[in-house]
C-alpha atoms as a PDB file:
ATOM      1  CA  UNK A   1      24.805  17.536  17.840  1.00  0.00           C
ATOM      2  CA  UNK A   2      24.815  13.932  16.647  1.00  0.00           C
ATOM      3  CA  UNK A   3      22.917  13.171  13.507  1.00  0.00           C
ATOM      4  CA  UNK A   4      20.269  10.518  13.945  1.00  0.00           C
ATOM      5  CA  UNK A   5      20.274   8.020  11.108  1.00  0.00           C
ATOM      6  CA  UNK A   6      17.187   6.175  10.022  1.00  0.00           C
ATOM      7  CA  UNK A   7      17.469   2.634   8.794  1.00  0.00           C
ATOM      8  CA  UNK A   8      17.088   2.328   5.046  1.00  0.00           C
ATOM      9  CA  UNK A   9      14.917  -0.546   3.884  1.00  0.00           C
ATOM     10  CA  UNK A  10      13.185  -1.987   0.848  1.00  0.00           C
ATOM     11  CA  UNK A  11       9.379  -2.084   0.708  1.00  0.00           C
ATOM     12  CA  UNK A  12       7.351  -4.364  -1.546  1.00  0.00           C
ATOM     13  CA  UNK A  13       3.688  -4.346  -2.557  1.00  0.00           C
ATOM     14  CA  UNK A  14       1.885  -7.130  -4.409  1.00  0.00           C
ATOM     15  CA  UNK A  15      -1.122  -5.969  -6.399  1.00  0.00           C
ATOM     16  CA  UNK A  16      -4.278  -8.078  -6.929  1.00  0.00           C
ATOM     17  CA  UNK A  17      -3.203  -8.919 -10.509  1.00  0.00           C
ATOM     18  CA  UNK A  18       0.148 -10.258  -9.271  1.00  0.00           C
ATOM     19  CA  UNK A  19       2.238  -7.199 -10.206  1.00  0.00           C
ATOM     20  CA  UNK A  20       5.011  -6.695  -7.633  1.00  0.00           C
ATOM     21  CA  UNK A  21       6.455  -3.230  -6.952  1.00  0.00           C
ATOM     22  CA  UNK A  22       9.548  -2.738  -4.780  1.00  0.00           C
ATOM     23  CA  UNK A  23      10.723   0.681  -3.649  1.00  0.00           C
ATOM     24  CA  UNK A  24      13.899   1.587  -1.855  1.00  0.00           C
ATOM     25  CA  UNK A  25      16.202   1.833  -0.263  1.00  0.00           C
ATOM     26  CA  UNK A  26      14.182   4.335   1.741  1.00  0.00           C
ATOM     27  CA  UNK A  27      13.952   5.535   5.301  1.00  0.00           C
ATOM     28  CA  UNK A  28      10.558   7.148   4.665  1.00  0.00           C
ATOM     29  CA  UNK A  29       7.632   5.758   6.677  1.00  0.00           C
ATOM     30  CA  UNK A  30       5.546   4.516   3.730  1.00  0.00           C
ATOM     31  CA  UNK A  31       2.915   1.878   4.535  1.00  0.00           C
ATOM     32  CA  UNK A  32       0.859   1.582   1.323  1.00  0.00           C
ATOM     33  CA  UNK A  33       1.315   1.647  -2.441  1.00  0.00           C
ATOM     34  CA  UNK A  34      -1.437   2.900  -4.743  1.00  0.00           C
ATOM     35  CA  UNK A  35      -1.921   2.526  -8.466  1.00  0.00           C
ATOM     36  CA  UNK A  36      -4.362   3.882 -11.042  1.00  0.00           C
ATOM     37  CA  UNK A  37      -4.654   1.913 -14.275  1.00  0.00           C
ATOM     38  CA  UNK A  38      -6.527   4.130 -16.737  1.00  0.00           C
ATOM     39  CA  UNK A  39      -8.002   2.917 -20.009  1.00  0.00           C
ATOM     40  CA  UNK A  40      -8.008   5.666 -22.607  1.00  0.00           C
ATOM     41  CA  UNK A  41     -10.579   6.169 -25.361  1.00  0.00           C
ATOM     42  CA  UNK A  42      -8.028   5.052 -27.983  1.00  0.00           C
ATOM     43  CA  UNK A  43      -7.559   1.696 -26.216  1.00  0.00           C
ATOM     44  CA  UNK A  44      -4.175   2.552 -24.709  1.00  0.00           C
ATOM     45  CA  UNK A  45      -3.442   2.303 -20.998  1.00  0.00           C
ATOM     46  CA  UNK A  46      -1.780   4.779 -18.627  1.00  0.00           C
ATOM     47  CA  UNK A  47      -0.530   3.873 -15.162  1.00  0.00           C
ATOM     48  CA  UNK A  48      -0.078   6.319 -12.280  1.00  0.00           C
ATOM     49  CA  UNK A  49       1.354   5.208  -8.957  1.00  0.00           C
ATOM     50  CA  UNK A  50       2.733   6.376  -5.659  1.00  0.00           C
ATOM     51  CA  UNK A  51       3.062   5.544  -1.995  1.00  0.00           C
ATOM     52  CA  UNK A  52       1.488   6.868   1.168  1.00  0.00           C
ATOM     53  CA  UNK A  53       2.217   6.958   4.880  1.00  0.00           C
ATOM     54  CA  UNK A  54      -1.117   5.400   5.851  1.00  0.00           C
ATOM     55  CA  UNK A  55      -4.082   3.546   4.437  1.00  0.00           C
ATOM     56  CA  UNK A  56      -6.275   6.590   5.104  1.00  0.00           C
ATOM     57  CA  UNK A  57      -3.895   8.809   3.123  1.00  0.00           C
ATOM     58  CA  UNK A  58      -3.950   6.367   0.195  1.00  0.00           C
ATOM     59  CA  UNK A  59      -7.761   6.108   0.277  1.00  0.00           C
ATOM     60  CA  UNK A  60      -8.077   9.900   0.005  1.00  0.00           C
ATOM     61  CA  UNK A  61      -6.538   9.643  -3.465  1.00  0.00           C
ATOM     62  CA  UNK A  62      -9.583   7.748  -4.733  1.00  0.00           C
ATOM     63  CA  UNK A  63     -11.459  11.062  -5.082  1.00  0.00           C
ATOM     64  CA  UNK A  64      -8.534  12.495  -7.049  1.00  0.00           C
ATOM     65  CA  UNK A  65      -8.692   9.454  -9.341  1.00  0.00           C
ATOM     66  CA  UNK A  66     -12.392  10.090  -9.999  1.00  0.00           C
ATOM     67  CA  UNK A  67     -11.634  13.720 -10.819  1.00  0.00           C
ATOM     68  CA  UNK A  68      -8.730  12.686 -13.058  1.00  0.00           C
ATOM     69  CA  UNK A  69     -10.982  10.277 -14.939  1.00  0.00           C
ATOM     70  CA  UNK A  70     -13.505  13.020 -15.555  1.00  0.00           C
ATOM     71  CA  UNK A  71     -10.948  15.667 -16.548  1.00  0.00           C
ATOM     72  CA  UNK A  72      -8.872  13.420 -18.809  1.00  0.00           C
ATOM     73  CA  UNK A  73     -11.782  11.562 -20.393  1.00  0.00           C
ATOM     74  CA  UNK A  74     -10.685   8.080 -19.363  1.00  0.00           C
ATOM     75  CA  UNK A  75     -12.934   5.332 -20.692  1.00  0.00           C
ATOM     76  CA  UNK A  76     -12.440   3.361 -17.462  1.00  0.00           C
ATOM     77  CA  UNK A  77      -9.938   3.053 -14.603  1.00  0.00           C
ATOM     78  CA  UNK A  78      -9.006   0.922 -11.599  1.00  0.00           C
ATOM     79  CA  UNK A  79      -7.761   2.425  -8.350  1.00  0.00           C
ATOM     80  CA  UNK A  80      -5.905  -0.119  -6.218  1.00  0.00           C
ATOM     81  CA  UNK A  81      -4.107  -0.030  -2.885  1.00  0.00           C
ATOM     82  CA  UNK A  82      -1.712  -2.622  -1.470  1.00  0.00           C
ATOM     83  CA  UNK A  83       0.127  -2.752   1.828  1.00  0.00           C
ATOM     84  CA  UNK A  84       3.902  -2.330   1.678  1.00  0.00           C
ATOM     85  CA  UNK A  85       5.942  -4.946   3.527  1.00  0.00           C
ATOM     86  CA  UNK A  86       9.615  -4.722   4.381  1.00  0.00           C
ATOM     87  CA  UNK A  87      11.721  -7.070   2.284  1.00  0.00           C
ATOM     88  CA  UNK A  88      15.419  -7.951   2.300  1.00  0.00           C
ATOM     89  CA  UNK A  89      17.699  -6.034  -0.065  1.00  0.00           C
END
């Protein structure tokens, strides 16, 4: 049985603040990048990020971000989603 290879590619997201994130090489079908920027009570910042296979999947994480903010006592946070676009290596 022949093994089917999937093309590996680089994916790039540009966030509203201009931050650019590139992932890859990957053959996974990611379409969106998400990021949580949490402001802690002590003034420090934590960043959590990941990628999803659809916009709907990424949007579902917004509820998890709200729960995380409550559980961890974040002073404030931003939940952002950006589309991933294929870019040359």
